[in-house]
Amino acid sequence: MRVRVLAFARLREVLGFGARDIELDDHATIAGLWDALADGAPPLAAFRASTRFAHNGELADPATRLTEGDEVALLPPVGGG
């Protein structure tokens, strides 16, 4: 299946893209998507604990199952002040 991945801020720099379609196995989860991305960009692993995810515009857990055409946004921590 194919899902759309959106990466922001530092995650975009590490991955080398802001938006890309990624091919995954059927029944993949957000966690599986993260693992696939980290396999291609090992420095990404350092950001796992602080990254949140949005699935089709809603905050989501890494265990969320994906389906064809879904959109997953990788949300880095943000500071304010």
PDB file of N, CA and C in Angstrom:
ATOM      1  N   MET A   1       0.841  -1.174   0.000  1.00  0.00           N
ATOM      2  CA  MET A   1       0.000   0.000   0.000  1.00  0.00           C
ATOM      3  C   MET A   1       0.883   1.232   0.000  1.00  0.00           C
ATOM      4  N   ARG A   2       0.306   2.333  -0.404  1.00  0.00           N
ATOM      5  CA  ARG A   2       1.038   3.592  -0.472  1.00  0.00           C
ATOM      6  C   ARG A   2       0.413   4.600   0.501  1.00  0.00           C
ATOM      7  N   VAL A   3       1.279   5.238   1.307  1.00  0.00           N
ATOM      8  CA  VAL A   3       0.834   6.291   2.218  1.00  0.00           C
ATOM      9  C   VAL A   3       1.670   7.549   1.965  1.00  0.00           C
ATOM     10  N   ARG A   4       1.109   8.685   2.301  1.00  0.00           N
ATOM     11  CA  ARG A   4       1.786   9.973   2.141  1.00  0.00           C
ATOM     12  C   ARG A   4       2.403  10.345   3.481  1.00  0.00           C
ATOM     13  N   VAL A   5       3.694  10.664   3.485  1.00  0.00           N
ATOM     14  CA  VAL A   5       4.403  11.052   4.704  1.00  0.00           C
ATOM     15  C   VAL A   5       4.781  12.521   4.602  1.00  0.00           C
ATOM     16  N   LEU A   6       4.460  13.263   5.648  1.00  0.00           N
ATOM     17  CA  LEU A   6       4.831  14.673   5.756  1.00  0.00           C
ATOM     18  C   LEU A   6       5.832  14.804   6.897  1.00  0.00           C
ATOM     19  N   ALA A   7       6.962  15.448   6.636  1.00  0.00           N
ATOM     20  CA  ALA A   7       7.994  15.628   7.655  1.00  0.00           C
ATOM     21  C   ALA A   7       8.250  17.119   7.834  1.00  0.00           C
ATOM     22  N   PHE A   8       8.409  17.530   9.077  1.00  0.00           N
ATOM     23  CA  PHE A   8       8.562  18.946   9.389  1.00  0.00           C
ATOM     24  C   PHE A   8       9.856  19.212  10.149  1.00  0.00           C
ATOM     25  N   ALA A   9      10.346  20.453  10.022  1.00  0.00           N
ATOM     26  CA  ALA A   9      11.496  20.973  10.769  1.00  0.00           C
ATOM     27  C   ALA A   9      12.705  20.041  10.648  1.00  0.00           C
ATOM     28  N   ARG A  10      13.285  19.695  11.760  1.00  0.00           N
ATOM     29  CA  ARG A  10      14.513  18.875  11.771  1.00  0.00           C
ATOM     30  C   ARG A  10      14.282  17.508  11.119  1.00  0.00           C
ATOM     31  N   LEU A  11      13.099  16.950  11.272  1.00  0.00           N
ATOM     32  CA  LEU A  11      12.817  15.641  10.666  1.00  0.00           C
ATOM     33  C   LEU A  11      12.887  15.729   9.145  1.00  0.00           C
ATOM     34  N   ARG A  12      12.431  16.832   8.592  1.00  0.00           N
ATOM     35  CA  ARG A  12      12.519  17.048   7.147  1.00  0.00           C
ATOM     36  C   ARG A  12      13.984  17.084   6.715  1.00  0.00           C
ATOM     37  N   GLU A  13      14.820  17.738   7.505  1.00  0.00           N
ATOM     38  CA  GLU A  13      16.248  17.807   7.188  1.00  0.00           C
ATOM     39  C   GLU A  13      16.897  16.422   7.229  1.00  0.00           C
ATOM     40  N   VAL A  14      16.580  15.649   8.240  1.00  0.00           N
ATOM     41  CA  VAL A  14      17.172  14.313   8.394  1.00  0.00           C
ATOM     42  C   VAL A  14      16.721  13.388   7.265  1.00  0.00           C
ATOM     43  N   LEU A  15      15.439  13.448   6.924  1.00  0.00           N
ATOM     44  CA  LEU A  15      14.908  12.557   5.892  1.00  0.00           C
ATOM     45  C   LEU A  15      15.220  13.036   4.472  1.00  0.00           C
ATOM     46  N   GLY A  16      15.416  14.327   4.319  1.00  0.00           N
ATOM     47  CA  GLY A  16      15.697  14.858   2.991  1.00  0.00           C
ATOM     48  C   GLY A  16      14.462  15.106   2.151  1.00  0.00           C
ATOM     49  N   PHE A  17      13.301  15.153   2.793  1.00  0.00           N
ATOM     50  CA  PHE A  17      12.060  15.487   2.088  1.00  0.00           C
ATOM     51  C   PHE A  17      11.048  16.064   3.061  1.00  0.00           C
ATOM     52  N   GLY A  18      10.140  16.843   2.509  1.00  0.00           N
ATOM     53  CA  GLY A  18       9.035  17.392   3.286  1.00  0.00           C
ATOM     54  C   GLY A  18       7.766  16.586   3.094  1.00  0.00           C
ATOM     55  N   ALA A  19       7.631  15.982   1.919  1.00  0.00           N
ATOM     56  CA  ALA A  19       6.462  15.144   1.621  1.00  0.00           C
ATOM     57  C   ALA A  19       6.886  14.094   0.610  1.00  0.00           C
ATOM     58  N   ARG A  20       6.420  12.874   0.846  1.00  0.00           N
ATOM     59  CA  ARG A  20       6.766  11.783  -0.068  1.00  0.00           C
ATOM     60  C   ARG A  20       5.761  10.647   0.109  1.00  0.00           C
ATOM     61  N   ASP A  21       5.471   9.973  -0.979  1.00  0.00           N
ATOM     62  CA  ASP A  21       4.671   8.755  -0.918  1.00  0.00           C
ATOM     63  C   ASP A  21       5.606   7.589  -0.625  1.00  0.00           C
ATOM     64  N   ILE A  22       5.212   6.746   0.322  1.00  0.00           N
ATOM     65  CA  ILE A  22       6.017   5.603   0.746  1.00  0.00           C
ATOM     66  C   ILE A  22       5.204   4.332   0.535  1.00  0.00           C
ATOM     67  N   GLU A  23       5.832   3.322   0.007  1.00  0.00           N
ATOM     68  CA  GLU A  23       5.196   2.012  -0.196  1.00  0.00           C
ATOM     69  C   GLU A  23       5.462   1.138   1.032  1.00  0.00           C
ATOM     70  N   LEU A  24       4.399   0.577   1.600  1.00  0.00           N
ATOM     71  CA  LEU A  24       4.497  -0.276   2.790  1.00  0.00           C
ATOM     72  C   LEU A  24       3.732  -1.572   2.571  1.00  0.00           C
ATOM     73  N   ASP A  25       4.018  -2.558   3.406  1.00  0.00           N
ATOM     74  CA  ASP A  25       3.251  -3.795   3.389  1.00  0.00           C
ATOM     75  C   ASP A  25       1.829  -3.522   3.862  1.00  0.00           C
ATOM     76  N   ASP A  26       0.894  -4.322   3.393  1.00  0.00           N
ATOM     77  CA  ASP A  26      -0.478  -4.224   3.898  1.00  0.00           C
ATOM     78  C   ASP A  26      -0.463  -4.434   5.408  1.00  0.00           C
ATOM     79  N   HIS A  27      -1.356  -3.797   6.103  1.00  0.00           N
ATOM     80  CA  HIS A  27      -1.511  -3.899   7.561  1.00  0.00           C
ATOM     81  C   HIS A  27      -0.361  -3.261   8.320  1.00  0.00           C
ATOM     82  N   ALA A  28       0.386  -2.374   7.683  1.00  0.00           N
ATOM     83  CA  ALA A  28       1.469  -1.668   8.371  1.00  0.00           C
ATOM     84  C   ALA A  28       0.880  -0.716   9.406  1.00  0.00           C
ATOM     85  N   THR A  29       1.698  -0.380  10.388  1.00  0.00           N
ATOM     86  CA  THR A  29       1.329   0.590  11.423  1.00  0.00           C
ATOM     87  C   THR A  29       2.223   1.825  11.293  1.00  0.00           C
ATOM     88  N   ILE A  30       1.888   2.838  12.051  1.00  0.00           N
ATOM     89  CA  ILE A  30       2.749   4.021  12.077  1.00  0.00           C
ATOM     90  C   ILE A  30       4.133   3.640  12.587  1.00  0.00           C
ATOM     91  N   ALA A  31       4.207   2.766  13.585  1.00  0.00           N
ATOM     92  CA  ALA A  31       5.504   2.318  14.095  1.00  0.00           C
ATOM     93  C   ALA A  31       6.311   1.628  12.992  1.00  0.00           C
ATOM     94  N   GLY A  32       5.651   0.821  12.178  1.00  0.00           N
ATOM     95  CA  GLY A  32       6.333   0.166  11.064  1.00  0.00           C
ATOM     96  C   GLY A  32       6.807   1.156  10.026  1.00  0.00           C
ATOM     97  N   LEU A  33       6.004   2.183   9.793  1.00  0.00           N
ATOM     98  CA  LEU A  33       6.415   3.251   8.882  1.00  0.00           C
ATOM     99  C   LEU A  33       7.666   3.926   9.423  1.00  0.00           C
ATOM    100  N   TRP A  34       7.666   4.267  10.706  1.00  0.00           N
ATOM    101  CA  TRP A  34       8.831   4.894  11.323  1.00  0.00           C
ATOM    102  C   TRP A  34      10.070   4.014  11.137  1.00  0.00           C
ATOM    103  N   ASP A  35       9.934   2.720  11.405  1.00  0.00           N
ATOM    104  CA  ASP A  35      11.069   1.801  11.259  1.00  0.00           C
ATOM    105  C   ASP A  35      11.591   1.789   9.828  1.00  0.00           C
ATOM    106  N   ALA A  36      10.681   1.780   8.856  1.00  0.00           N
ATOM    107  CA  ALA A  36      11.090   1.787   7.450  1.00  0.00           C
ATOM    108  C   ALA A  36      11.837   3.075   7.115  1.00  0.00           C
ATOM    109  N   LEU A  37      11.357   4.200   7.628  1.00  0.00           N
ATOM    110  CA  LEU A  37      12.033   5.475   7.385  1.00  0.00           C
ATOM    111  C   LEU A  37      13.409   5.498   8.054  1.00  0.00           C
ATOM    112  N   ALA A  38      13.499   4.987   9.277  1.00  0.00           N
ATOM    113  CA  ALA A  38      14.769   4.972  10.012  1.00  0.00           C
ATOM    114  C   ALA A  38      15.780   4.031   9.356  1.00  0.00           C
ATOM    115  N   ASP A  39      15.313   2.971   8.715  1.00  0.00           N
ATOM    116  CA  ASP A  39      16.230   2.077   7.997  1.00  0.00           C
ATOM    117  C   ASP A  39      16.954   2.834   6.889  1.00  0.00           C
ATOM    118  N   GLY A  40      16.265   3.741   6.245  1.00  0.00           N
ATOM    119  CA  GLY A  40      16.855   4.524   5.164  1.00  0.00           C
ATOM    120  C   GLY A  40      17.578   5.773   5.628  1.00  0.00           C
ATOM    121  N   ALA A  41      17.341   6.183   6.864  1.00  0.00           N
ATOM    122  CA  ALA A  41      17.962   7.391   7.423  1.00  0.00           C
ATOM    123  C   ALA A  41      18.270   7.129   8.897  1.00  0.00           C
ATOM    124  N   PRO A  42      19.337   6.380   9.197  1.00  0.00           N
ATOM    125  CA  PRO A  42      19.643   5.997  10.582  1.00  0.00           C
ATOM    126  C   PRO A  42      19.651   7.130  11.606  1.00  0.00           C
ATOM    127  N   PRO A  43      20.057   8.371  11.273  1.00  0.00           N
ATOM    128  CA  PRO A  43      20.004   9.435  12.284  1.00  0.00           C
ATOM    129  C   PRO A  43      18.586   9.724  12.789  1.00  0.00           C
ATOM    130  N   LEU A  44      17.583   9.297  12.046  1.00  0.00           N
ATOM    131  CA  LEU A  44      16.196   9.523  12.454  1.00  0.00           C
ATOM    132  C   LEU A  44      15.887   8.856  13.791  1.00  0.00           C
ATOM    133  N   ALA A  45      16.523   7.743  14.078  1.00  0.00           N
ATOM    134  CA  ALA A  45      16.251   6.989  15.313  1.00  0.00           C
ATOM    135  C   ALA A  45      16.403   7.852  16.564  1.00  0.00           C
ATOM    136  N   ALA A  46      17.304   8.806  16.541  1.00  0.00           N
ATOM    137  CA  ALA A  46      17.532   9.659  17.706  1.00  0.00           C
ATOM    138  C   ALA A  46      16.324  10.534  18.037  1.00  0.00           C
ATOM    139  N   PHE A  47      15.402  10.685  17.099  1.00  0.00           N
ATOM    140  CA  PHE A  47      14.241  11.559  17.294  1.00  0.00           C
ATOM    141  C   PHE A  47      12.975  10.806  17.697  1.00  0.00           C
ATOM    142  N   ARG A  48      13.039   9.496  17.810  1.00  0.00           N
ATOM    143  CA  ARG A  48      11.822   8.718  18.042  1.00  0.00           C
ATOM    144  C   ARG A  48      11.084   9.103  19.326  1.00  0.00           C
ATOM    145  N   ALA A  49      11.798   9.250  20.422  1.00  0.00           N
ATOM    146  CA  ALA A  49      11.138   9.523  21.709  1.00  0.00           C
ATOM    147  C   ALA A  49      10.406  10.866  21.725  1.00  0.00           C
ATOM    148  N   SER A  50      10.857  11.808  20.912  1.00  0.00           N
ATOM    149  CA  SER A  50      10.254  13.142  20.947  1.00  0.00           C
ATOM    150  C   SER A  50       9.312  13.421  19.777  1.00  0.00           C
ATOM    151  N   THR A  51       9.149  12.460  18.878  1.00  0.00           N
ATOM    152  CA  THR A  51       8.293  12.666  17.708  1.00  0.00           C
ATOM    153  C   THR A  51       6.875  12.189  17.990  1.00  0.00           C
ATOM    154  N   ARG A  52       5.907  12.982  17.584  1.00  0.00           N
ATOM    155  CA  ARG A  52       4.493  12.607  17.651  1.00  0.00           C
ATOM    156  C   ARG A  52       4.001  12.426  16.228  1.00  0.00           C
ATOM    157  N   PHE A  53       2.841  11.819  16.099  1.00  0.00           N
ATOM    158  CA  PHE A  53       2.316  11.489  14.777  1.00  0.00           C
ATOM    159  C   PHE A  53       0.889  11.977  14.615  1.00  0.00           C
ATOM    160  N   ALA A  54       0.569  12.394  13.406  1.00  0.00           N
ATOM    161  CA  ALA A  54      -0.814  12.695  13.047  1.00  0.00           C
ATOM    162  C   ALA A  54      -1.187  11.769  11.894  1.00  0.00           C
ATOM    163  N   HIS A  55      -2.335  11.151  12.018  1.00  0.00           N
ATOM    164  CA  HIS A  55      -2.851  10.221  11.017  1.00  0.00           C
ATOM    165  C   HIS A  55      -4.106  10.841  10.427  1.00  0.00           C
ATOM    166  N   ASN A  56      -4.028  11.209   9.150  1.00  0.00           N
ATOM    167  CA  ASN A  56      -5.163  11.850   8.481  1.00  0.00           C
ATOM    168  C   ASN A  56      -5.687  13.052   9.269  1.00  0.00           C
ATOM    169  N   GLY A  57      -4.729  13.838   9.803  1.00  0.00           N
ATOM    170  CA  GLY A  57      -5.090  15.078  10.471  1.00  0.00           C
ATOM    171  C   GLY A  57      -5.420  14.975  11.946  1.00  0.00           C
ATOM    172  N   GLU A  58      -5.338  13.773  12.522  1.00  0.00           N
ATOM    173  CA  GLU A  58      -5.648  13.578  13.945  1.00  0.00           C
ATOM    174  C   GLU A  58      -4.437  12.970  14.634  1.00  0.00           C
ATOM    175  N   LEU A  59      -4.112  13.445  15.846  1.00  0.00           N
ATOM    176  CA  LEU A  59      -3.014  12.840  16.589  1.00  0.00           C
ATOM    177  C   LEU A  59      -3.263  11.340  16.729  1.00  0.00           C
ATOM    178  N   ALA A  60      -2.189  10.562  16.605  1.00  0.00           N
ATOM    179  CA  ALA A  60      -2.345   9.106  16.580  1.00  0.00           C
ATOM    180  C   ALA A  60      -1.219   8.414  17.332  1.00  0.00           C
ATOM    181  N   ASP A  61      -1.518   7.231  17.779  1.00  0.00           N
ATOM    182  CA  ASP A  61      -0.590   6.346  18.462  1.00  0.00           C
ATOM    183  C   ASP A  61       0.248   5.588  17.428  1.00  0.00           C
ATOM    184  N   PRO A  62       1.490   5.235  17.752  1.00  0.00           N
ATOM    185  CA  PRO A  62       2.307   4.474  16.803  1.00  0.00           C
ATOM    186  C   PRO A  62       1.701   3.126  16.400  1.00  0.00           C
ATOM    187  N   ALA A  63       0.804   2.570  17.212  1.00  0.00           N
ATOM    188  CA  ALA A  63       0.189   1.284  16.890  1.00  0.00           C
ATOM    189  C   ALA A  63      -0.952   1.413  15.875  1.00  0.00           C
ATOM    190  N   THR A  64      -1.278   2.624  15.470  1.00  0.00           N
ATOM    191  CA  THR A  64      -2.368   2.852  14.517  1.00  0.00           C
ATOM    192  C   THR A  64      -2.089   2.150  13.200  1.00  0.00           C
ATOM    193  N   ARG A  65      -3.063   1.374  12.744  1.00  0.00           N
ATOM    194  CA  ARG A  65      -2.938   0.681  11.449  1.00  0.00           C
ATOM    195  C   ARG A  65      -3.172   1.663  10.315  1.00  0.00           C
ATOM    196  N   LEU A  66      -2.420   1.475   9.254  1.00  0.00           N
ATOM    197  CA  LEU A  66      -2.527   2.331   8.081  1.00  0.00           C
ATOM    198  C   LEU A  66      -3.263   1.609   6.961  1.00  0.00           C
ATOM    199  N   THR A  67      -3.892   2.397   6.100  1.00  0.00           N
ATOM    200  CA  THR A  67      -4.550   1.851   4.920  1.00  0.00           C
ATOM    201  C   THR A  67      -4.128   2.681   3.705  1.00  0.00           C
ATOM    202  N   GLU A  68      -4.380   2.136   2.548  1.00  0.00           N
ATOM    203  CA  GLU A  68      -4.023   2.785   1.282  1.00  0.00           C
ATOM    204  C   GLU A  68      -4.500   4.235   1.255  1.00  0.00           C
ATOM    205  N   GLY A  69      -3.573   5.134   0.903  1.00  0.00           N
ATOM    206  CA  GLY A  69      -3.925   6.539   0.743  1.00  0.00           C
ATOM    207  C   GLY A  69      -3.895   7.377   2.006  1.00  0.00           C
ATOM    208  N   ASP A  70      -3.573   6.771   3.140  1.00  0.00           N
ATOM    209  CA  ASP A  70      -3.498   7.541   4.387  1.00  0.00           C
ATOM    210  C   ASP A  70      -2.377   8.574   4.317  1.00  0.00           C
ATOM    211  N   GLU A  71      -2.488   9.565   5.191  1.00  0.00           N
ATOM    212  CA  GLU A  71      -1.448  10.575   5.342  1.00  0.00           C
ATOM    213  C   GLU A  71      -0.951  10.527   6.783  1.00  0.00           C
ATOM    214  N   VAL A  72       0.378  10.485   6.944  1.00  0.00           N
ATOM    215  CA  VAL A  72       0.988  10.477   8.270  1.00  0.00           C
ATOM    216  C   VAL A  72       1.954  11.644   8.349  1.00  0.00           C
ATOM    217  N   ALA A  73       1.738  12.503   9.334  1.00  0.00           N
ATOM    218  CA  ALA A  73       2.633  13.631   9.568  1.00  0.00           C
ATOM    219  C   ALA A  73       3.540  13.292  10.743  1.00  0.00           C
ATOM    220  N   LEU A  74       4.831  13.554  10.572  1.00  0.00           N
ATOM    221  CA  LEU A  74       5.818  13.371  11.636  1.00  0.00           C
ATOM    222  C   LEU A  74       5.997  14.724  12.298  1.00  0.00           C
ATOM    223  N   LEU A  75       5.668  14.797  13.574  1.00  0.00           N
ATOM    224  CA  LEU A  75       5.613  16.067  14.288  1.00  0.00           C
ATOM    225  C   LEU A  75       6.744  16.148  15.311  1.00  0.00           C
ATOM    226  N   PRO A  76       7.747  16.956  15.043  1.00  0.00           N
ATOM    227  CA  PRO A  76       8.854  17.112  15.999  1.00  0.00           C
ATOM    228  C   PRO A  76       8.413  17.972  17.180  1.00  0.00           C
ATOM    229  N   PRO A  77       9.193  17.943  18.252  1.00  0.00           N
ATOM    230  CA  PRO A  77       8.854  18.829  19.372  1.00  0.00           C
ATOM    231  C   PRO A  77       9.027  20.284  18.941  1.00  0.00           C
ATOM    232  N   VAL A  78       8.234  21.134  19.534  1.00  0.00           N
ATOM    233  CA  VAL A  78       8.340  22.552  19.248  1.00  0.00           C
ATOM    234  C   VAL A  78       8.556  23.315  20.547  1.00  0.00           C
ATOM    235  N   GLY A  79       9.373  24.322  20.469  1.00  0.00           N
ATOM    236  CA  GLY A  79       9.612  25.173  21.624  1.00  0.00           C
ATOM    237  C   GLY A  79       8.870  26.477  21.455  1.00  0.00           C
ATOM    238  N   GLY A  80       8.652  27.115  22.518  1.00  0.00           N
ATOM    239  CA  GLY A  80       7.965  28.387  22.441  1.00  0.00           C
ATOM    240  C   GLY A  80       8.626  29.389  23.376  1.00  0.00           C
ATOM    241  N   GLY A  81       8.127  30.540  23.304  1.00  0.00           N
ATOM    242  CA  GLY A  81       8.655  31.493  24.265  1.00  0.00           C
ATOM    243  C   GLY A  81       8.767  32.868  23.721  1.00  0.00           C
TER     244      GLY A  81
END
